[in-house]
Amino acid sequence: MPEPYGITAEALAARGRTDIPNELRSATHLIYSSPATLSFNAPGAQGVGVKRAGLAIPGSVMLLVSPVCCGRNTGGVGYDERCFYLSLDDTDIVTGRHLSALTDAVQEVCQRCHPTPTVVMICITCVDALLGTDMERVCRKAEAAVGIPVRPCSMYALTREGRLPPMVAVRQTVYSLLTPMKRRRDAVNILGFFSPLQDECELYRLLSKNGVRQIREISRCRTFQEYQEMAQANFNLVLNQEARLAAQDMERNLGIPSVELVRMYQLDKIHNQYRLLGQVTGMDMEDQEDYQAAEEAIERFRSHHPEARFSVGEWANADPFELSLALLRYGFVVPEIFGTVGDANFPYLANIARLSPETNIYSNLSPSMLYYDPSRTPVDVVIGKDAAYSHPGVPAVPWNEEPQPFGYTGVKALFDALERSMA
């Protein structure tokens, strides 16, 4: 019987970040599309990552230029009135003749929309990526014809692990329409996600306590004017590294500096991060009460399940390696992780190797996962929708809800959810 490819944390850490096995690098082999991968193959939240991100600007619409199959997961997710399609046939794909119809298609979209869109996003797929289509030129021509901004975005999954993945590029695009405004000392933007933080997240309270009156996230902007007011920010808080290049663009074009924070589940790291934020901004980031509430939630779960064994997946609101490291440091067992290893999470992997060298690392996208047998790795609870697929019948916390967990509030919410799942 063939075996799924897995490698222990100790062995992977010993090889180093420059010698990651091809079996863990999706660009080097065929992709195994199981139900565990269909969503983040897109890539992005809930399987409509780039399409959803491209529609983050209030009043925007999208023209998806693709074979019919690529639009299959757009319907029924709330964008039916804002998505339009230019479907490609075999001849289009081979010759690129569809490019001559793009401007007309954008004009037709604008004529059909009432009111007129604030921006038309043209979303291309692997077809135009492989054809090498100059989308900047195509968009400029369409923009001149309709008189409103037309911007490109790309849904090209094979660049997911490249220098400019689709979810990084689309973040640059959606903030590119901001124009300079007078900045306000009491305004801060939160960048990184396309849905808002959990309402009870302590970050809102900590900023408000320090006099920040306007905390803006693109997902909470109801109008194009509110979106434009993001240009007033005194600084940006970047909570997802995929927004780093967008923040750099905003600093260059709008003069808005940024501070980057990381979503983590290790309490001491969260505390240290807030301490450093306080040093940089001069704000009082007193967080003892929130720290204690999260610590109590962990202890409550640990008192009921002191030897819990976790399977951790990557289809979740967490870096699976950072989350696994947090669980190990809290005294739990993590026999396996489903994840994509890269530079950003390799430091976590090194610490996992020290605490739990036998933890196995799997890639959901490896064709060898066809032979994965969950009975060989018994676990008590899983985190992540992909891990739940691999362990049917085991208590599971998908942890991929729309409101984004962050900070102590996220840790507390996770352990509360774990407690409920195993009750």
Protein backbone atom coordinates (compact mmCIF):
# COMPACT_ATOMS: atom_id res chain seq x y z
CA MET A 1 0.00 0.00 0.00
CA PRO A 2 1.52 3.40 -0.97
CA GLU A 3 2.09 5.89 1.82
CA PRO A 4 1.27 9.61 1.98
CA TYR A 5 4.35 11.77 1.98
CA GLY A 6 5.07 13.16 5.42
CA ILE A 7 8.21 14.38 7.10
CA THR A 8 8.91 14.89 10.76
CA ALA A 9 9.45 18.38 12.09
CA GLU A 10 12.94 17.38 13.18
CA ALA A 11 13.91 16.15 9.70
CA LEU A 12 12.39 19.15 7.94
CA ALA A 13 14.03 21.64 10.28
CA ALA A 14 17.38 19.89 9.74
CA ARG A 15 17.05 20.28 5.96
CA GLY A 16 16.44 24.02 6.34
CA ARG A 17 14.25 26.45 4.42
CA THR A 18 16.36 26.15 1.27
CA ASP A 19 15.90 22.38 1.05
CA ILE A 20 12.16 21.89 1.47
CA PRO A 21 11.19 18.56 -0.17
CA ASN A 22 9.43 18.82 -3.51
CA GLU A 23 6.52 16.86 -2.08
CA LEU A 24 5.72 19.87 0.12
CA ARG A 25 6.05 22.40 -2.74
CA SER A 26 2.92 22.45 -4.87
CA ALA A 27 4.65 24.02 -7.90
CA THR A 28 6.76 20.89 -8.35
CA HIS A 29 4.06 18.25 -8.75
CA LEU A 30 0.49 17.61 -9.76
CA ILE A 31 -2.14 19.09 -7.45
CA TYR A 32 -4.35 16.76 -5.46
CA SER A 33 -7.71 18.49 -5.23
CA SER A 34 -9.64 16.81 -2.46
CA PRO A 35 -12.48 18.41 -0.47
CA ALA A 36 -9.72 19.37 1.96
CA THR A 37 -8.17 21.70 -0.61
CA LEU A 38 -10.93 23.02 -2.84
CA SER A 39 -11.38 26.21 -0.88
CA PHE A 40 -7.83 27.45 -0.50
CA ASN A 41 -6.93 26.28 -3.99
CA ALA A 42 -8.94 29.32 -5.10
CA PRO A 43 -6.95 30.72 -3.12
CA GLY A 44 -8.48 32.58 -0.22
CA ALA A 45 -11.27 32.74 2.28
CA GLN A 46 -14.25 30.52 1.63
CA GLY A 47 -13.08 29.62 -1.87
CA VAL A 48 -13.79 33.00 -3.42
CA GLY A 49 -10.59 34.70 -2.32
CA VAL A 50 -9.54 36.88 -5.23
CA LYS A 51 -13.08 37.44 -6.46
CA ARG A 52 -14.20 38.54 -3.05
CA ALA A 53 -11.11 40.65 -2.45
CA GLY A 54 -11.50 42.37 -5.79
CA LEU A 55 -15.00 43.41 -4.79
CA ALA A 56 -13.92 44.86 -1.45
CA ILE A 57 -14.18 48.44 -2.76
CA PRO A 58 -17.74 49.69 -2.15
CA GLY A 59 -19.71 50.01 -5.37
CA SER A 60 -17.28 47.94 -7.42
CA VAL A 61 -18.20 45.22 -9.91
CA MET A 62 -16.11 42.46 -11.45
CA LEU A 63 -15.76 41.13 -14.98
CA LEU A 64 -14.43 37.59 -14.76
CA VAL A 65 -12.59 36.67 -17.97
CA SER A 66 -12.25 32.90 -17.92
CA PRO A 67 -13.43 29.51 -19.09
CA VAL A 68 -16.86 28.74 -17.67
CA CYS A 69 -15.49 26.33 -15.08
CA CYS A 70 -13.50 29.05 -13.29
CA GLY A 71 -16.62 30.95 -12.32
CA ARG A 72 -18.34 27.95 -10.83
CA ASN A 73 -17.85 28.88 -7.19
CA THR A 74 -18.88 32.52 -7.49
CA GLY A 75 -22.63 32.00 -7.60
CA GLY A 76 -24.53 31.80 -4.35
CA VAL A 77 -21.97 33.56 -2.19
CA GLY A 78 -23.55 37.00 -2.23
CA TYR A 79 -21.95 38.51 -5.33
CA ASP A 80 -24.45 37.53 -8.00
CA GLU A 81 -25.40 41.17 -8.70
CA ARG A 82 -21.79 42.33 -8.90
CA CYS A 83 -20.12 39.62 -10.98
CA PHE A 84 -20.18 39.54 -14.77
CA TYR A 85 -18.60 36.99 -17.05
CA LEU A 86 -16.76 36.98 -20.35
CA SER A 87 -16.58 33.25 -21.00
CA LEU A 88 -13.76 31.91 -23.14
CA ASP A 89 -14.07 29.08 -25.63
CA ASP A 90 -11.30 26.84 -26.95
CA THR A 91 -10.37 29.26 -29.75
CA ASP A 92 -10.13 32.20 -27.33
CA ILE A 93 -7.81 30.21 -25.11
CA VAL A 94 -5.52 29.28 -28.00
CA THR A 95 -5.49 32.59 -29.90
CA GLY A 96 -6.28 35.23 -27.28
CA ARG A 97 -8.96 36.73 -29.54
CA HIS A 98 -11.12 37.52 -26.48
CA LEU A 99 -8.85 40.49 -25.73
CA SER A 100 -10.38 42.43 -28.60
CA ALA A 101 -13.80 42.10 -26.92
CA LEU A 102 -12.77 43.22 -23.45
CA THR A 103 -13.39 46.95 -23.83
CA ASP A 104 -16.84 46.31 -25.29
CA ALA A 105 -17.58 43.94 -22.44
CA VAL A 106 -16.61 46.55 -19.82
CA GLN A 107 -18.81 49.12 -21.57
CA GLU A 108 -21.74 46.71 -21.54
CA VAL A 109 -21.24 46.04 -17.84
CA CYS A 110 -21.28 49.76 -17.08
CA GLN A 111 -24.40 50.30 -19.19
CA ARG A 112 -26.26 47.57 -17.31
CA CYS A 113 -25.32 48.74 -13.81
CA HIS A 114 -27.42 51.32 -11.99
CA PRO A 115 -25.89 53.24 -10.37
CA THR A 116 -22.65 53.32 -12.33
CA PRO A 117 -19.94 51.23 -10.63
CA THR A 118 -17.19 53.00 -8.72
CA VAL A 119 -14.62 50.69 -10.34
CA VAL A 120 -14.62 47.69 -12.67
CA MET A 121 -12.24 44.93 -11.66
CA ILE A 122 -11.16 42.65 -14.51
CA CYS A 123 -10.28 39.28 -13.05
CA ILE A 124 -8.16 37.02 -15.25
CA THR A 125 -7.23 33.40 -14.71
CA CYS A 126 -4.44 31.01 -15.69
CA VAL A 127 -5.34 31.50 -19.36
CA ASP A 128 -4.26 35.14 -19.61
CA ALA A 129 -1.44 34.59 -17.15
CA LEU A 130 0.02 31.96 -19.47
CA LEU A 131 -0.70 34.06 -22.57
CA GLY A 132 1.25 36.89 -20.96
CA THR A 133 -1.55 39.38 -21.48
CA ASP A 134 -0.59 42.98 -20.65
CA MET A 135 -3.54 43.67 -18.38
CA GLU A 136 -2.37 47.16 -17.46
CA ARG A 137 -2.67 48.17 -21.10
CA VAL A 138 -6.00 46.39 -21.47
CA CYS A 139 -7.38 48.17 -18.40
CA ARG A 140 -6.13 51.59 -19.53
CA LYS A 141 -7.94 51.15 -22.85
CA ALA A 142 -11.19 50.11 -21.14
CA GLU A 143 -10.88 52.91 -18.59
CA ALA A 144 -10.58 55.50 -21.36
CA ALA A 145 -13.75 54.11 -22.93
CA VAL A 146 -15.97 54.10 -19.81
CA GLY A 147 -14.54 56.99 -17.80
CA ILE A 148 -14.30 55.16 -14.48
CA PRO A 149 -11.37 53.23 -12.97
CA VAL A 150 -10.75 49.77 -14.42
CA ARG A 151 -8.25 47.63 -12.54
CA PRO A 152 -6.84 44.12 -13.05
CA CYS A 153 -6.63 41.23 -10.64
CA SER A 154 -5.47 37.69 -11.17
CA MET A 155 -6.80 34.32 -10.06
CA TYR A 156 -3.73 32.25 -10.82
CA ALA A 157 -3.27 29.60 -8.15
CA LEU A 158 0.10 28.35 -9.36
CA THR A 159 1.70 31.62 -8.20
CA ARG A 160 0.39 31.04 -4.69
CA GLU A 161 3.91 30.33 -3.44
CA GLY A 162 5.65 32.83 -5.72
CA ARG A 163 6.96 36.37 -5.24
CA LEU A 164 3.62 38.05 -5.93
CA PRO A 165 0.76 35.66 -5.07
CA PRO A 166 -2.75 36.62 -6.21
CA MET A 167 -3.88 37.58 -2.71
CA VAL A 168 -0.91 39.93 -2.33
CA ALA A 169 -1.42 41.54 -5.73
CA VAL A 170 -5.15 42.06 -5.23
CA ARG A 171 -4.52 43.83 -1.93
CA GLN A 172 -2.25 46.27 -3.75
CA THR A 173 -4.99 46.83 -6.30
CA VAL A 174 -7.88 47.47 -3.93
CA TYR A 175 -5.97 50.16 -2.03
CA SER A 176 -4.53 51.74 -5.19
CA LEU A 177 -7.58 53.98 -5.73
CA LEU A 178 -6.99 55.95 -2.53
CA THR A 179 -6.02 59.55 -3.20
CA PRO A 180 -4.11 61.90 -0.86
CA MET A 181 -6.17 63.56 1.88
CA LYS A 182 -5.30 65.56 4.97
CA ARG A 183 -4.21 63.05 7.58
CA ARG A 184 -5.77 62.86 11.03
CA ARG A 185 -3.89 61.94 14.18
CA ASP A 186 -6.94 60.13 15.53
CA ALA A 187 -7.40 57.84 12.49
CA VAL A 188 -5.90 54.36 12.00
CA ASN A 189 -6.43 51.77 9.28
CA ILE A 190 -6.38 48.04 9.90
CA LEU A 191 -5.14 46.21 6.80
CA GLY A 192 -4.89 42.53 6.07
CA PHE A 193 -8.31 40.91 6.04
CA PHE A 194 -11.42 41.19 3.89
CA SER A 195 -13.78 40.70 6.78
CA PRO A 196 -13.61 42.66 10.04
CA LEU A 197 -12.01 41.63 13.29
CA GLN A 198 -14.26 40.10 15.91
CA ASP A 199 -16.27 42.97 17.40
CA GLU A 200 -14.98 42.25 20.90
CA CYS A 201 -11.29 42.22 19.85
CA GLU A 202 -9.22 44.10 22.43
CA LEU A 203 -7.31 45.94 19.69
CA TYR A 204 -10.30 48.26 19.11
CA ARG A 205 -10.46 49.05 22.81
CA LEU A 206 -6.73 49.60 23.19
CA LEU A 207 -6.65 52.02 20.26
CA SER A 208 -9.77 53.87 21.42
CA LYS A 209 -8.34 54.27 24.91
CA ASN A 210 -5.42 56.10 23.32
CA GLY A 211 -7.60 58.62 21.52
CA VAL A 212 -8.05 56.89 18.17
CA ARG A 213 -11.54 57.90 17.03
CA GLN A 214 -11.54 56.46 13.50
CA ILE A 215 -10.51 52.81 13.12
CA ARG A 216 -11.15 51.87 9.50
CA GLU A 217 -11.20 48.47 7.82
CA ILE A 218 -12.13 48.10 4.17
CA SER A 219 -14.75 45.49 5.04
CA ARG A 220 -16.59 48.00 7.24
CA CYS A 221 -16.63 50.75 4.58
CA ARG A 222 -20.22 51.12 3.37
CA THR A 223 -19.61 53.73 0.66
CA PHE A 224 -16.86 54.74 -1.72
CA GLN A 225 -16.47 57.96 0.29
CA GLU A 226 -15.83 55.98 3.47
CA TYR A 227 -13.29 53.90 1.56
CA GLN A 228 -11.55 57.11 0.36
CA GLU A 229 -11.36 58.36 3.95
CA MET A 230 -8.88 55.56 4.65
CA ALA A 231 -6.37 58.02 3.12
CA GLN A 232 -6.73 60.15 6.29
CA ALA A 233 -5.03 57.58 8.51
CA ASN A 234 -2.15 58.55 10.74
CA PHE A 235 -0.74 55.04 10.31
CA ASN A 236 -1.71 51.58 9.11
CA LEU A 237 -1.75 48.47 11.25
CA VAL A 238 -0.90 45.53 9.00
CA LEU A 239 -2.23 42.30 10.50
CA ASN A 240 -1.51 40.00 7.56
CA GLN A 241 1.80 39.98 5.72
CA GLU A 242 -0.09 39.64 2.44
CA ALA A 243 -0.98 43.33 2.87
CA ARG A 244 2.65 44.40 3.34
CA LEU A 245 3.22 45.53 -0.24
CA ALA A 246 -0.09 47.42 -0.24
CA ALA A 247 1.01 49.21 2.93
CA GLN A 248 4.34 50.08 1.31
CA ASP A 249 2.47 51.54 -1.66
CA MET A 250 0.32 53.62 0.71
CA GLU A 251 3.40 54.95 2.46
CA ARG A 252 4.98 55.88 -0.87
CA ASN A 253 1.86 57.41 -2.43
CA LEU A 254 -0.07 58.76 0.57
CA GLY A 255 2.62 59.25 3.20
CA ILE A 256 0.96 56.79 5.60
CA PRO A 257 3.52 54.74 7.57
CA SER A 258 2.69 51.27 8.83
CA VAL A 259 3.30 48.97 11.75
CA GLU A 260 3.06 45.23 11.20
CA LEU A 261 1.56 42.88 13.78
CA VAL A 262 1.17 39.12 13.42
CA ARG A 263 -1.82 36.99 14.35
CA MET A 264 -0.50 34.62 16.98
CA TYR A 265 -1.84 32.23 19.59
CA GLN A 266 1.12 32.34 22.01
CA LEU A 267 0.10 34.65 24.86
CA ASP A 268 3.59 35.87 25.71
CA LYS A 269 4.23 36.73 22.06
CA ILE A 270 0.96 38.66 21.86
CA HIS A 271 1.91 40.60 24.98
CA ASN A 272 5.36 41.35 23.60
CA GLN A 273 3.86 42.52 20.33
CA TYR A 274 1.53 44.96 22.08
CA ARG A 275 4.45 46.19 24.22
CA LEU A 276 6.47 46.93 21.09
CA LEU A 277 3.49 48.63 19.46
CA GLY A 278 3.23 50.85 22.53
CA GLN A 279 6.92 51.74 22.27
CA VAL A 280 6.66 52.65 18.60
CA THR A 281 3.45 54.69 18.83
CA GLY A 282 3.75 56.08 22.35
CA MET A 283 0.42 54.49 23.25
CA ASP A 284 -0.45 52.86 26.55
CA MET A 285 -1.11 49.21 25.62
CA GLU A 286 -2.10 47.90 29.05
CA ASP A 287 -3.33 44.37 28.33
CA GLN A 288 -3.21 42.50 31.64
CA GLU A 289 -6.96 41.96 31.88
CA ASP A 290 -7.20 40.56 28.34
CA TYR A 291 -4.12 38.38 28.89
CA GLN A 292 -5.66 36.91 32.02
CA ALA A 293 -9.01 36.18 30.34
CA ALA A 294 -7.27 34.25 27.54
CA GLU A 295 -5.06 32.41 30.03
CA GLU A 296 -8.12 31.34 32.01
CA ALA A 297 -9.78 29.97 28.86
CA ILE A 298 -6.68 27.87 28.12
CA GLU A 299 -6.52 26.60 31.68
CA ARG A 300 -10.22 25.76 31.68
CA PHE A 301 -9.78 23.60 28.57
CA ARG A 302 -6.56 22.05 29.89
CA SER A 303 -8.20 21.07 33.18
CA HIS A 304 -10.79 19.03 31.25
CA HIS A 305 -8.47 17.70 28.52
CA PRO A 306 -4.91 17.73 29.88
CA GLU A 307 -3.54 15.29 27.32
CA ALA A 308 -5.48 16.37 24.23
CA ARG A 309 -3.93 15.38 20.90
CA PHE A 310 -4.47 17.89 18.08
CA SER A 311 -4.45 17.65 14.32
CA VAL A 312 -3.92 21.16 12.93
CA GLY A 313 -4.82 22.20 9.39
CA GLU A 314 -4.17 25.26 7.26
CA TRP A 315 -7.74 26.03 6.20
CA ALA A 316 -8.24 28.08 9.35
CA ASN A 317 -7.75 31.59 10.67
CA ALA A 318 -4.25 30.78 11.89
CA ASP A 319 -0.76 29.95 10.74
CA PRO A 320 -0.88 26.19 11.38
CA PHE A 321 2.75 26.14 12.50
CA GLU A 322 2.43 29.05 14.92
CA LEU A 323 -0.79 27.61 16.30
CA SER A 324 0.80 24.17 16.68
CA LEU A 325 3.75 25.70 18.50
CA ALA A 326 1.36 27.50 20.86
CA LEU A 327 -0.49 24.24 21.61
CA LEU A 328 2.79 22.45 22.31
CA ARG A 329 3.93 25.23 24.64
CA TYR A 330 0.61 24.96 26.50
CA GLY A 331 1.41 21.28 27.13
CA PHE A 332 -0.76 19.59 24.50
CA VAL A 333 0.25 17.02 21.88
CA VAL A 334 0.34 17.79 18.14
CA PRO A 335 1.16 14.60 16.20
CA GLU A 336 0.55 16.15 12.74
CA ILE A 337 0.19 19.41 10.85
CA PHE A 338 -1.29 19.96 7.39
CA GLY A 339 0.43 23.04 6.01
CA THR A 340 2.41 24.84 3.34
CA VAL A 341 5.90 25.51 4.62
CA GLY A 342 7.57 28.78 3.68
CA ASP A 343 9.98 31.39 4.98
CA ALA A 344 7.36 33.02 7.20
CA ASN A 345 6.60 29.93 9.24
CA PHE A 346 9.97 28.19 9.24
CA PRO A 347 11.02 29.80 12.56
CA TYR A 348 7.94 28.23 14.18
CA LEU A 349 8.87 24.90 12.64
CA ALA A 350 12.33 25.04 14.20
CA ASN A 351 10.78 25.42 17.65
CA ILE A 352 8.26 22.66 16.96
CA ALA A 353 11.17 20.39 16.08
CA ARG A 354 12.70 21.13 19.47
CA LEU A 355 9.50 20.49 21.46
CA SER A 356 7.97 17.69 19.38
CA PRO A 357 10.48 16.30 16.87
CA GLU A 358 8.18 13.48 15.74
CA THR A 359 5.33 15.76 14.65
CA ASN A 360 4.58 14.91 11.03
CA ILE A 361 4.16 17.59 8.36
CA TYR A 362 1.86 16.86 5.42
CA SER A 363 0.90 18.86 2.34
CA ASN A 364 -2.81 18.77 1.49
CA LEU A 365 -1.88 19.26 -2.16
CA SER A 366 0.41 16.25 -2.50
CA PRO A 367 -1.13 13.50 -4.68
CA SER A 368 0.23 11.00 -2.14
CA MET A 369 -2.43 12.24 0.31
CA LEU A 370 -4.80 10.00 -1.61
CA TYR A 371 -3.42 7.28 0.65
CA TYR A 372 -3.74 9.15 3.95
CA ASP A 373 -5.18 6.87 6.63
CA PRO A 374 -6.42 8.72 9.76
CA SER A 375 -6.41 5.55 11.83
CA ARG A 376 -2.60 5.70 11.87
CA THR A 377 -2.63 9.04 13.66
CA PRO A 378 -5.28 8.98 16.40
CA VAL A 379 -6.21 12.47 17.61
CA ASP A 380 -8.79 13.85 20.04
CA VAL A 381 -9.68 17.11 18.30
CA VAL A 382 -8.90 18.88 15.03
CA ILE A 383 -8.56 22.54 14.11
CA GLY A 384 -9.15 23.59 10.50
CA LYS A 385 -11.64 22.44 7.92
CA ASP A 386 -9.02 20.49 5.96
CA ALA A 387 -7.91 18.58 9.06
CA ALA A 388 -11.56 17.86 9.80
CA TYR A 389 -11.92 16.30 6.35
CA SER A 390 -8.95 14.03 7.07
CA HIS A 391 -10.38 12.96 10.44
CA PRO A 392 -14.12 12.38 9.98
CA GLY A 393 -15.97 11.77 13.21
CA VAL A 394 -13.42 13.49 15.43
CA PRO A 395 -14.52 16.65 17.31
CA ALA A 396 -13.57 19.57 15.10
CA VAL A 397 -13.32 23.34 15.21
CA PRO A 398 -13.23 24.64 11.60
CA TRP A 399 -11.98 28.03 12.81
CA ASN A 400 -12.58 29.70 9.46
CA GLU A 401 -15.47 31.97 10.39
CA GLU A 402 -15.91 35.39 8.81
CA PRO A 403 -15.11 37.61 11.84
CA GLN A 404 -11.35 37.49 12.10
CA PRO A 405 -9.82 36.40 15.41
CA PHE A 406 -6.86 38.39 16.65
CA GLY A 407 -4.93 38.83 19.86
CA TYR A 408 -6.11 37.59 23.23
CA THR A 409 -9.73 37.64 22.10
CA GLY A 410 -8.87 35.19 19.34
CA VAL A 411 -7.09 32.84 21.75
CA LYS A 412 -9.99 32.90 24.19
CA ALA A 413 -12.54 32.34 21.42
CA LEU A 414 -10.56 29.37 20.07
CA PHE A 415 -10.31 27.58 23.40
CA ASP A 416 -13.96 28.30 24.16
CA ALA A 417 -14.83 26.71 20.80
CA LEU A 418 -12.58 23.73 21.52
CA GLU A 419 -14.30 23.28 24.88
CA ARG A 420 -17.71 23.25 23.19
CA SER A 421 -16.58 20.81 20.50
CA MET A 422 -15.44 18.25 23.06
CA ALA A 423 -18.29 18.70 25.54
